[in-house]
Amino acid sequence: MQLTTKIKTTFQATGTKALDDRTATDPINLSRTTSLANGTGASKANQSFHDQRSLASGANEELDLAGSLVDAFGDTITFTKIKAMRLVNQSLVDDFLIFGAAANGFNTPIGAVADKLRLKRGGLIIIEDPLDGYAVTTGTGDLLRIEHEAVTAAAAIYELTLVGEV
């Protein structure tokens, strides 16, 4: 599979305040584009995965980044590095906890095994390491845990996108 990747983020905001003789503005217009060529190594990737998934209230799943995911072409994926990860919480009520698998957890983006990252309702997280990538270690560091932090009894939906190396 050939893969060409561009990750674009834009942050725009404008503050205004009425003064005696004018309206002052403070614009913020920041953008970043990360480009990854096909292959392995710095600023390269050769595999992607994306899915919209649903978790029942209070449920969790541990996605095996090295052997259980299947790409859009039906091929099993065995990531060795994650260069970029995007998570979107589609729920407007419930949060998700990311990382923190009890055993064999993929925790290289955050540090300690027990650490978790809260993805608030309606929230978005993008994590990138385009140069080195976050290591995925088969059998000891390959489970990405997603936990539905139940506030309601309803299932909650999230989107996951991964770009990396196999």
N, C-alpha and C. Protein backbone atom coordinates (compact mmCIF):
# COMPACT_ATOMS: atom_id res chain seq x y z
N MET A 1 0.84 -1.18 0.00
CA MET A 1 0.00 0.00 0.00
C MET A 1 0.88 1.24 0.00
N GLN A 2 0.56 2.20 -0.80
CA GLN A 2 1.22 3.51 -0.81
C GLN A 2 0.41 4.46 0.06
N LEU A 3 1.08 5.27 0.86
CA LEU A 3 0.38 6.19 1.76
C LEU A 3 1.06 7.55 1.72
N THR A 4 0.29 8.57 1.44
CA THR A 4 0.76 9.95 1.54
C THR A 4 -0.15 10.64 2.55
N THR A 5 0.45 11.31 3.53
CA THR A 5 -0.32 11.86 4.64
C THR A 5 -0.06 13.35 4.80
N LYS A 6 -1.13 14.12 5.00
CA LYS A 6 -1.05 15.51 5.41
C LYS A 6 -1.99 15.69 6.59
N ILE A 7 -1.46 16.22 7.67
CA ILE A 7 -2.26 16.50 8.85
C ILE A 7 -2.27 18.01 9.02
N LYS A 8 -3.46 18.60 8.89
CA LYS A 8 -3.58 20.06 8.96
C LYS A 8 -4.39 20.44 10.19
N THR A 9 -3.84 21.37 10.97
CA THR A 9 -4.57 21.92 12.10
C THR A 9 -4.58 23.43 11.99
N THR A 10 -5.70 24.02 12.33
CA THR A 10 -5.86 25.47 12.30
C THR A 10 -6.51 25.91 13.60
N PHE A 11 -5.99 26.99 14.15
CA PHE A 11 -6.55 27.57 15.38
C PHE A 11 -6.78 29.04 15.10
N GLN A 12 -8.04 29.45 15.08
CA GLN A 12 -8.37 30.84 14.81
C GLN A 12 -9.28 31.37 15.90
N ALA A 13 -8.97 32.57 16.36
CA ALA A 13 -9.81 33.25 17.34
C ALA A 13 -9.54 34.75 17.21
N THR A 14 -10.55 35.56 17.47
CA THR A 14 -10.36 37.01 17.44
C THR A 14 -11.06 37.62 18.64
N GLY A 15 -10.28 38.27 19.48
CA GLY A 15 -10.84 39.01 20.60
C GLY A 15 -11.03 40.46 20.19
N THR A 16 -12.13 41.06 20.63
CA THR A 16 -12.38 42.47 20.34
C THR A 16 -12.82 43.18 21.61
N LYS A 17 -12.49 44.47 21.65
CA LYS A 17 -12.91 45.29 22.78
C LYS A 17 -13.13 46.71 22.29
N ALA A 18 -14.30 47.26 22.62
CA ALA A 18 -14.61 48.64 22.23
C ALA A 18 -13.86 49.60 23.14
N LEU A 19 -13.09 50.51 22.53
CA LEU A 19 -12.38 51.55 23.25
C LEU A 19 -13.04 52.89 22.93
N ASP A 20 -12.55 53.98 23.52
CA ASP A 20 -13.15 55.30 23.29
C ASP A 20 -13.21 55.67 21.81
N ASP A 21 -12.11 55.50 21.10
CA ASP A 21 -12.04 55.98 19.72
C ASP A 21 -11.97 54.88 18.67
N ARG A 22 -11.99 53.63 19.10
CA ARG A 22 -11.87 52.54 18.13
C ARG A 22 -12.22 51.21 18.81
N THR A 23 -12.26 50.18 18.00
CA THR A 23 -12.42 48.83 18.52
C THR A 23 -11.09 48.11 18.31
N ALA A 24 -10.51 47.67 19.40
CA ALA A 24 -9.24 46.94 19.33
C ALA A 24 -9.52 45.47 19.05
N THR A 25 -8.64 44.87 18.28
CA THR A 25 -8.76 43.44 17.99
C THR A 25 -7.45 42.73 18.30
N ASP A 26 -7.58 41.49 18.67
CA ASP A 26 -6.42 40.63 18.93
C ASP A 26 -6.65 39.31 18.20
N PRO A 27 -6.21 39.23 16.94
CA PRO A 27 -6.45 38.01 16.18
C PRO A 27 -5.38 36.94 16.45
N ILE A 28 -5.83 35.71 16.48
CA ILE A 28 -4.94 34.55 16.52
C ILE A 28 -5.25 33.73 15.28
N ASN A 29 -4.24 33.46 14.50
CA ASN A 29 -4.42 32.65 13.30
C ASN A 29 -3.19 31.76 13.16
N LEU A 30 -3.29 30.58 13.72
CA LEU A 30 -2.17 29.64 13.72
C LEU A 30 -2.54 28.42 12.89
N SER A 31 -1.63 27.96 12.10
CA SER A 31 -1.88 26.73 11.36
C SER A 31 -0.59 25.93 11.26
N ARG A 32 -0.76 24.64 11.08
CA ARG A 32 0.37 23.74 10.96
C ARG A 32 -0.02 22.61 10.02
N THR A 33 0.88 22.26 9.16
CA THR A 33 0.69 21.11 8.29
C THR A 33 1.87 20.16 8.48
N THR A 34 1.56 18.93 8.80
CA THR A 34 2.57 17.89 8.91
C THR A 34 2.41 16.98 7.70
N SER A 35 3.46 16.81 6.95
CA SER A 35 3.44 15.93 5.78
C SER A 35 4.30 14.71 6.04
N LEU A 36 3.75 13.55 5.74
CA LEU A 36 4.48 12.29 5.88
C LEU A 36 4.52 11.60 4.52
N ALA A 37 5.71 11.34 4.04
CA ALA A 37 5.87 10.61 2.79
C ALA A 37 5.67 9.12 3.03
N ASN A 38 5.50 8.36 1.97
CA ASN A 38 5.35 6.92 2.09
C ASN A 38 6.68 6.28 2.51
N GLY A 39 6.61 5.35 3.46
CA GLY A 39 7.82 4.63 3.86
C GLY A 39 7.97 4.55 5.36
N THR A 40 9.19 4.26 5.80
CA THR A 40 9.50 4.19 7.22
C THR A 40 10.66 5.13 7.52
N GLY A 41 10.71 5.62 8.75
CA GLY A 41 11.75 6.56 9.15
C GLY A 41 11.16 7.92 9.44
N ALA A 42 12.04 8.90 9.61
CA ALA A 42 11.62 10.26 9.96
C ALA A 42 10.71 10.85 8.88
N SER A 43 9.60 11.42 9.32
CA SER A 43 8.62 12.08 8.45
C SER A 43 8.06 11.15 7.38
N LYS A 44 7.92 9.87 7.74
CA LYS A 44 7.34 8.88 6.82
C LYS A 44 6.36 7.99 7.57
N ALA A 45 5.39 7.47 6.83
CA ALA A 45 4.44 6.49 7.35
C ALA A 45 3.99 5.62 6.18
N ASN A 46 3.55 4.41 6.50
CA ASN A 46 3.13 3.52 5.42
C ASN A 46 1.84 2.75 5.72
N GLN A 47 1.12 3.17 6.78
CA GLN A 47 -0.12 2.47 7.11
C GLN A 47 -1.08 3.41 7.82
N SER A 48 -2.36 3.26 7.55
CA SER A 48 -3.38 4.05 8.25
C SER A 48 -4.52 3.14 8.69
N PHE A 49 -5.24 3.61 9.69
CA PHE A 49 -6.44 2.93 10.18
C PHE A 49 -7.42 4.01 10.59
N HIS A 50 -8.69 3.81 10.27
CA HIS A 50 -9.71 4.74 10.75
C HIS A 50 -11.01 3.97 10.94
N ASP A 51 -11.75 4.37 11.97
CA ASP A 51 -13.00 3.70 12.28
C ASP A 51 -13.83 4.59 13.17
N GLN A 52 -15.14 4.41 13.08
CA GLN A 52 -16.08 5.01 14.03
C GLN A 52 -16.60 3.84 14.86
N ARG A 53 -16.47 3.97 16.18
CA ARG A 53 -16.78 2.84 17.06
C ARG A 53 -17.75 3.28 18.14
N SER A 54 -18.46 2.31 18.71
CA SER A 54 -19.44 2.57 19.75
C SER A 54 -19.12 1.70 20.96
N LEU A 55 -19.22 2.30 22.13
CA LEU A 55 -19.03 1.56 23.38
C LEU A 55 -20.27 1.71 24.25
N ALA A 56 -20.73 0.61 24.81
CA ALA A 56 -21.85 0.64 25.74
C ALA A 56 -21.47 1.42 26.99
N SER A 57 -22.46 1.84 27.73
CA SER A 57 -22.24 2.60 28.95
C SER A 57 -21.33 1.83 29.90
N GLY A 58 -20.23 2.45 30.32
CA GLY A 58 -19.29 1.84 31.25
C GLY A 58 -18.36 0.80 30.66
N ALA A 59 -18.50 0.52 29.37
CA ALA A 59 -17.67 -0.50 28.73
C ALA A 59 -16.31 0.06 28.32
N ASN A 60 -15.40 -0.84 27.99
CA ASN A 60 -14.11 -0.44 27.46
C ASN A 60 -13.68 -1.45 26.41
N GLU A 61 -12.72 -1.05 25.62
CA GLU A 61 -12.11 -1.98 24.67
C GLU A 61 -10.63 -1.68 24.60
N GLU A 62 -9.87 -2.72 24.33
CA GLU A 62 -8.43 -2.58 24.16
C GLU A 62 -8.10 -3.01 22.74
N LEU A 63 -7.72 -2.04 21.92
CA LEU A 63 -7.43 -2.28 20.52
C LEU A 63 -5.97 -2.70 20.38
N ASP A 64 -5.74 -3.86 19.82
CA ASP A 64 -4.39 -4.37 19.62
C ASP A 64 -3.81 -3.72 18.38
N LEU A 65 -2.89 -2.79 18.58
CA LEU A 65 -2.30 -2.05 17.47
C LEU A 65 -1.34 -2.91 16.66
N ALA A 66 -1.01 -4.07 17.17
CA ALA A 66 -0.07 -4.96 16.48
C ALA A 66 -0.72 -6.30 16.18
N GLY A 67 -1.81 -6.27 15.41
CA GLY A 67 -2.34 -7.55 14.98
C GLY A 67 -3.83 -7.73 14.93
N SER A 68 -4.65 -6.84 15.49
CA SER A 68 -6.09 -7.07 15.44
C SER A 68 -6.84 -6.09 14.56
N LEU A 69 -6.24 -4.96 14.23
CA LEU A 69 -6.92 -3.98 13.39
C LEU A 69 -6.83 -4.39 11.93
N VAL A 70 -7.85 -4.03 11.16
CA VAL A 70 -7.90 -4.34 9.73
C VAL A 70 -8.11 -3.04 8.98
N ASP A 71 -7.30 -2.82 7.93
CA ASP A 71 -7.41 -1.57 7.17
C ASP A 71 -8.57 -1.63 6.17
N ALA A 72 -8.76 -0.56 5.43
CA ALA A 72 -9.87 -0.43 4.48
C ALA A 72 -9.80 -1.45 3.35
N PHE A 73 -8.64 -2.07 3.16
CA PHE A 73 -8.45 -3.05 2.09
C PHE A 73 -8.57 -4.49 2.58
N GLY A 74 -8.89 -4.65 3.88
CA GLY A 74 -9.07 -5.97 4.46
C GLY A 74 -7.80 -6.62 4.97
N ASP A 75 -6.71 -5.87 5.02
CA ASP A 75 -5.43 -6.41 5.48
C ASP A 75 -5.24 -6.16 6.97
N THR A 76 -4.74 -7.15 7.69
CA THR A 76 -4.44 -7.00 9.11
C THR A 76 -3.23 -6.08 9.29
N ILE A 77 -3.33 -5.20 10.27
CA ILE A 77 -2.29 -4.20 10.52
C ILE A 77 -1.47 -4.60 11.74
N THR A 78 -0.16 -4.51 11.62
CA THR A 78 0.74 -4.70 12.76
C THR A 78 1.63 -3.47 12.84
N PHE A 79 1.13 -2.44 13.52
CA PHE A 79 1.91 -1.21 13.67
C PHE A 79 3.17 -1.47 14.49
N THR A 80 4.26 -0.81 14.13
CA THR A 80 5.47 -0.78 14.96
C THR A 80 5.68 0.61 15.54
N LYS A 81 5.10 1.61 14.89
CA LYS A 81 5.14 3.00 15.38
C LYS A 81 3.86 3.71 14.99
N ILE A 82 3.42 4.60 15.86
CA ILE A 82 2.30 5.49 15.55
C ILE A 82 2.88 6.88 15.37
N LYS A 83 2.66 7.46 14.21
CA LYS A 83 3.15 8.81 13.91
C LYS A 83 2.11 9.87 14.24
N ALA A 84 0.82 9.52 14.11
CA ALA A 84 -0.25 10.46 14.43
C ALA A 84 -1.49 9.69 14.86
N MET A 85 -2.20 10.27 15.83
CA MET A 85 -3.44 9.69 16.31
C MET A 85 -4.46 10.80 16.49
N ARG A 86 -5.67 10.55 16.02
CA ARG A 86 -6.77 11.51 16.14
C ARG A 86 -7.94 10.78 16.77
N LEU A 87 -8.47 11.35 17.84
CA LEU A 87 -9.65 10.81 18.51
C LEU A 87 -10.70 11.90 18.62
N VAL A 88 -11.93 11.58 18.25
CA VAL A 88 -13.04 12.52 18.35
C VAL A 88 -14.14 11.85 19.16
N ASN A 89 -14.61 12.53 20.20
CA ASN A 89 -15.73 12.04 21.00
C ASN A 89 -17.01 12.60 20.40
N GLN A 90 -17.83 11.74 19.81
CA GLN A 90 -19.09 12.18 19.20
C GLN A 90 -20.20 12.40 20.23
N SER A 91 -20.00 11.90 21.44
CA SER A 91 -21.01 12.05 22.48
C SER A 91 -21.03 13.47 23.01
N LEU A 92 -22.23 13.99 23.26
CA LEU A 92 -22.36 15.30 23.89
C LEU A 92 -22.68 15.17 25.37
N VAL A 93 -22.62 13.94 25.88
CA VAL A 93 -22.96 13.67 27.28
C VAL A 93 -21.81 13.01 28.03
N ASP A 94 -21.20 11.99 27.45
CA ASP A 94 -20.22 11.16 28.16
C ASP A 94 -18.79 11.41 27.70
N ASP A 95 -17.85 11.13 28.61
CA ASP A 95 -16.42 11.25 28.32
C ASP A 95 -15.83 9.87 28.05
N PHE A 96 -14.64 9.88 27.46
CA PHE A 96 -13.86 8.66 27.28
C PHE A 96 -12.53 8.83 28.01
N LEU A 97 -12.00 7.73 28.54
CA LEU A 97 -10.64 7.71 29.07
C LEU A 97 -9.79 6.94 28.08
N ILE A 98 -8.65 7.51 27.72
CA ILE A 98 -7.77 6.93 26.73
C ILE A 98 -6.49 6.47 27.42
N PHE A 99 -5.95 5.36 27.00
CA PHE A 99 -4.73 4.74 27.54
C PHE A 99 -5.04 4.05 28.86
N GLY A 100 -4.03 3.65 29.61
CA GLY A 100 -4.21 3.05 30.92
C GLY A 100 -4.55 1.57 30.93
N ALA A 101 -4.20 0.84 29.87
CA ALA A 101 -4.44 -0.61 29.89
C ALA A 101 -3.63 -1.24 31.03
N ALA A 102 -4.25 -2.17 31.74
CA ALA A 102 -3.60 -2.79 32.90
C ALA A 102 -2.37 -3.60 32.51
N ALA A 103 -2.41 -4.23 31.35
CA ALA A 103 -1.27 -5.03 30.89
C ALA A 103 -1.04 -4.77 29.40
N ASN A 104 0.20 -4.74 29.00
CA ASN A 104 0.58 -4.58 27.59
C ASN A 104 0.05 -3.29 26.96
N GLY A 105 -0.05 -2.25 27.75
CA GLY A 105 -0.64 -1.00 27.27
C GLY A 105 0.26 -0.21 26.34
N PHE A 106 -0.36 0.36 25.30
CA PHE A 106 0.31 1.33 24.44
C PHE A 106 0.20 2.67 25.16
N ASN A 107 1.25 3.04 25.89
CA ASN A 107 1.23 4.25 26.70
C ASN A 107 2.37 5.20 26.36
N THR A 108 3.12 4.93 25.31
CA THR A 108 4.29 5.76 25.01
C THR A 108 3.96 7.24 24.81
N PRO A 109 2.76 7.62 24.35
CA PRO A 109 2.50 9.06 24.23
C PRO A 109 2.34 9.78 25.57
N ILE A 110 2.04 9.04 26.66
CA ILE A 110 1.74 9.73 27.91
C ILE A 110 2.64 9.37 29.08
N GLY A 111 3.37 8.27 29.01
CA GLY A 111 4.29 7.95 30.10
C GLY A 111 3.92 6.69 30.83
N ALA A 112 3.53 6.81 32.09
CA ALA A 112 3.32 5.67 32.97
C ALA A 112 2.11 4.83 32.56
N VAL A 113 2.17 3.56 32.91
CA VAL A 113 1.14 2.59 32.55
C VAL A 113 -0.24 3.01 33.06
N ALA A 114 -0.32 3.52 34.26
CA ALA A 114 -1.62 3.85 34.85
C ALA A 114 -2.17 5.20 34.38
N ASP A 115 -1.38 6.00 33.69
CA ASP A 115 -1.84 7.32 33.25
C ASP A 115 -2.94 7.19 32.21
N LYS A 116 -3.90 8.11 32.29
CA LYS A 116 -5.01 8.15 31.34
C LYS A 116 -5.19 9.59 30.88
N LEU A 117 -5.79 9.73 29.74
CA LEU A 117 -6.11 11.03 29.17
C LEU A 117 -7.62 11.08 28.99
N ARG A 118 -8.26 12.11 29.52
CA ARG A 118 -9.72 12.23 29.42
C ARG A 118 -10.08 12.98 28.14
N LEU A 119 -10.89 12.35 27.31
CA LEU A 119 -11.43 12.98 26.11
C LEU A 119 -12.86 13.39 26.44
N LYS A 120 -13.04 14.68 26.69
CA LYS A 120 -14.32 15.20 27.13
C LYS A 120 -15.37 15.11 26.03
N ARG A 121 -16.62 15.18 26.43
CA ARG A 121 -17.74 15.09 25.48
C ARG A 121 -17.60 16.14 24.38
N GLY A 122 -17.78 15.72 23.15
CA GLY A 122 -17.63 16.60 22.01
C GLY A 122 -16.19 16.99 21.70
N GLY A 123 -15.23 16.40 22.39
CA GLY A 123 -13.83 16.82 22.29
C GLY A 123 -13.04 16.14 21.18
N LEU A 124 -11.85 16.68 20.97
CA LEU A 124 -10.93 16.22 19.93
C LEU A 124 -9.52 16.18 20.51
N ILE A 125 -8.79 15.12 20.20
CA ILE A 125 -7.38 15.02 20.57
C ILE A 125 -6.60 14.62 19.34
N ILE A 126 -5.53 15.35 19.07
CA ILE A 126 -4.59 14.97 18.01
C ILE A 126 -3.21 14.89 18.64
N ILE A 127 -2.55 13.76 18.46
CA ILE A 127 -1.20 13.56 18.97
C ILE A 127 -0.32 13.21 17.79
N GLU A 128 0.82 13.89 17.67
CA GLU A 128 1.74 13.63 16.57
C GLU A 128 3.17 13.44 17.08
N ASP A 129 3.89 12.57 16.44
CA ASP A 129 5.35 12.46 16.56
C ASP A 129 5.85 12.05 15.18
N PRO A 130 5.91 13.01 14.24
CA PRO A 130 6.22 12.67 12.86
C PRO A 130 7.65 12.20 12.64
N LEU A 131 8.56 12.57 13.51
CA LEU A 131 9.96 12.20 13.30
C LEU A 131 10.25 10.78 13.78
N ASP A 132 10.06 10.53 15.07
CA ASP A 132 10.40 9.22 15.64
C ASP A 132 9.22 8.27 15.72
N GLY A 133 8.03 8.79 15.94
CA GLY A 133 6.86 7.94 16.16
C GLY A 133 6.83 7.40 17.58
N TYR A 134 5.65 7.00 18.01
CA TYR A 134 5.47 6.37 19.32
C TYR A 134 5.58 4.86 19.13
N ALA A 135 6.49 4.24 19.85
CA ALA A 135 6.76 2.81 19.67
C ALA A 135 5.55 1.95 20.06
N VAL A 136 5.27 0.97 19.23
CA VAL A 136 4.29 -0.07 19.51
C VAL A 136 5.08 -1.37 19.63
N THR A 137 4.99 -2.00 20.80
CA THR A 137 5.78 -3.21 21.05
C THR A 137 4.84 -4.41 21.13
N THR A 138 4.93 -5.29 20.16
CA THR A 138 4.06 -6.47 20.11
C THR A 138 4.17 -7.28 21.40
N GLY A 139 3.01 -7.55 22.01
CA GLY A 139 2.97 -8.40 23.20
C GLY A 139 3.23 -7.71 24.51
N THR A 140 3.86 -6.53 24.50
CA THR A 140 4.14 -5.85 25.77
C THR A 140 3.70 -4.39 25.78
N GLY A 141 3.47 -3.79 24.65
CA GLY A 141 3.08 -2.38 24.61
C GLY A 141 2.28 -2.05 23.37
N ASP A 142 1.17 -2.80 23.17
CA ASP A 142 0.43 -2.62 21.93
C ASP A 142 -1.08 -2.46 22.10
N LEU A 143 -1.58 -2.39 23.33
CA LEU A 143 -3.02 -2.29 23.54
C LEU A 143 -3.43 -0.85 23.84
N LEU A 144 -4.23 -0.28 22.95
CA LEU A 144 -4.78 1.06 23.14
C LEU A 144 -6.14 0.91 23.80
N ARG A 145 -6.23 1.35 25.05
CA ARG A 145 -7.48 1.21 25.81
C ARG A 145 -8.34 2.45 25.62
N ILE A 146 -9.62 2.21 25.32
CA ILE A 146 -10.63 3.26 25.23
C ILE A 146 -11.74 2.87 26.19
N GLU A 147 -12.03 3.75 27.15
CA GLU A 147 -13.03 3.44 28.18
C GLU A 147 -14.14 4.47 28.16
N HIS A 148 -15.38 4.00 28.09
CA HIS A 148 -16.55 4.88 28.14
C HIS A 148 -16.84 5.20 29.59
N GLU A 149 -16.60 6.44 29.96
CA GLU A 149 -16.85 6.88 31.33
C GLU A 149 -18.33 7.22 31.44
N ALA A 150 -19.10 6.31 31.97
CA ALA A 150 -20.56 6.38 31.90
C ALA A 150 -21.15 7.47 32.79
N VAL A 151 -21.90 8.36 32.17
CA VAL A 151 -22.75 9.31 32.88
C VAL A 151 -24.20 8.91 32.63
N THR A 152 -24.46 8.44 31.42
CA THR A 152 -25.79 7.98 31.05
C THR A 152 -25.73 6.48 30.75
N ALA A 153 -26.89 5.91 30.51
CA ALA A 153 -26.96 4.49 30.16
C ALA A 153 -26.78 4.26 28.67
N ALA A 154 -26.62 5.32 27.91
CA ALA A 154 -26.53 5.20 26.45
C ALA A 154 -25.12 4.84 26.00
N ALA A 155 -25.05 4.20 24.86
CA ALA A 155 -23.76 3.95 24.21
C ALA A 155 -23.19 5.28 23.72
N ALA A 156 -21.89 5.35 23.59
CA ALA A 156 -21.23 6.57 23.11
C ALA A 156 -20.34 6.20 21.92
N ILE A 157 -20.25 7.13 20.97
CA ILE A 157 -19.51 6.89 19.73
C ILE A 157 -18.25 7.73 19.70
N TYR A 158 -17.17 7.12 19.21
CA TYR A 158 -15.94 7.86 19.00
C TYR A 158 -15.35 7.50 17.65
N GLU A 159 -14.54 8.41 17.12
CA GLU A 159 -13.81 8.19 15.87
C GLU A 159 -12.33 8.06 16.21
N LEU A 160 -11.68 7.09 15.60
CA LEU A 160 -10.25 6.87 15.80
C LEU A 160 -9.56 6.84 14.44
N THR A 161 -8.49 7.61 14.31
CA THR A 161 -7.65 7.58 13.12
C THR A 161 -6.21 7.41 13.57
N LEU A 162 -5.51 6.47 12.96
CA LEU A 162 -4.10 6.21 13.26
C LEU A 162 -3.30 6.23 11.97
N VAL A 163 -2.12 6.82 12.02
CA VAL A 163 -1.18 6.77 10.91
C VAL A 163 0.16 6.36 11.50
N GLY A 164 0.81 5.40 10.87
CA GLY A 164 2.08 4.94 11.43
C GLY A 164 2.86 4.06 10.48
N GLU A 165 3.74 3.26 11.09
CA GLU A 165 4.60 2.36 10.34
C GLU A 165 4.29 0.91 10.70
N VAL A 166 4.42 0.05 9.71
CA VAL A 166 4.33 -1.39 9.94
C VAL A 166 5.64 -2.03 9.54
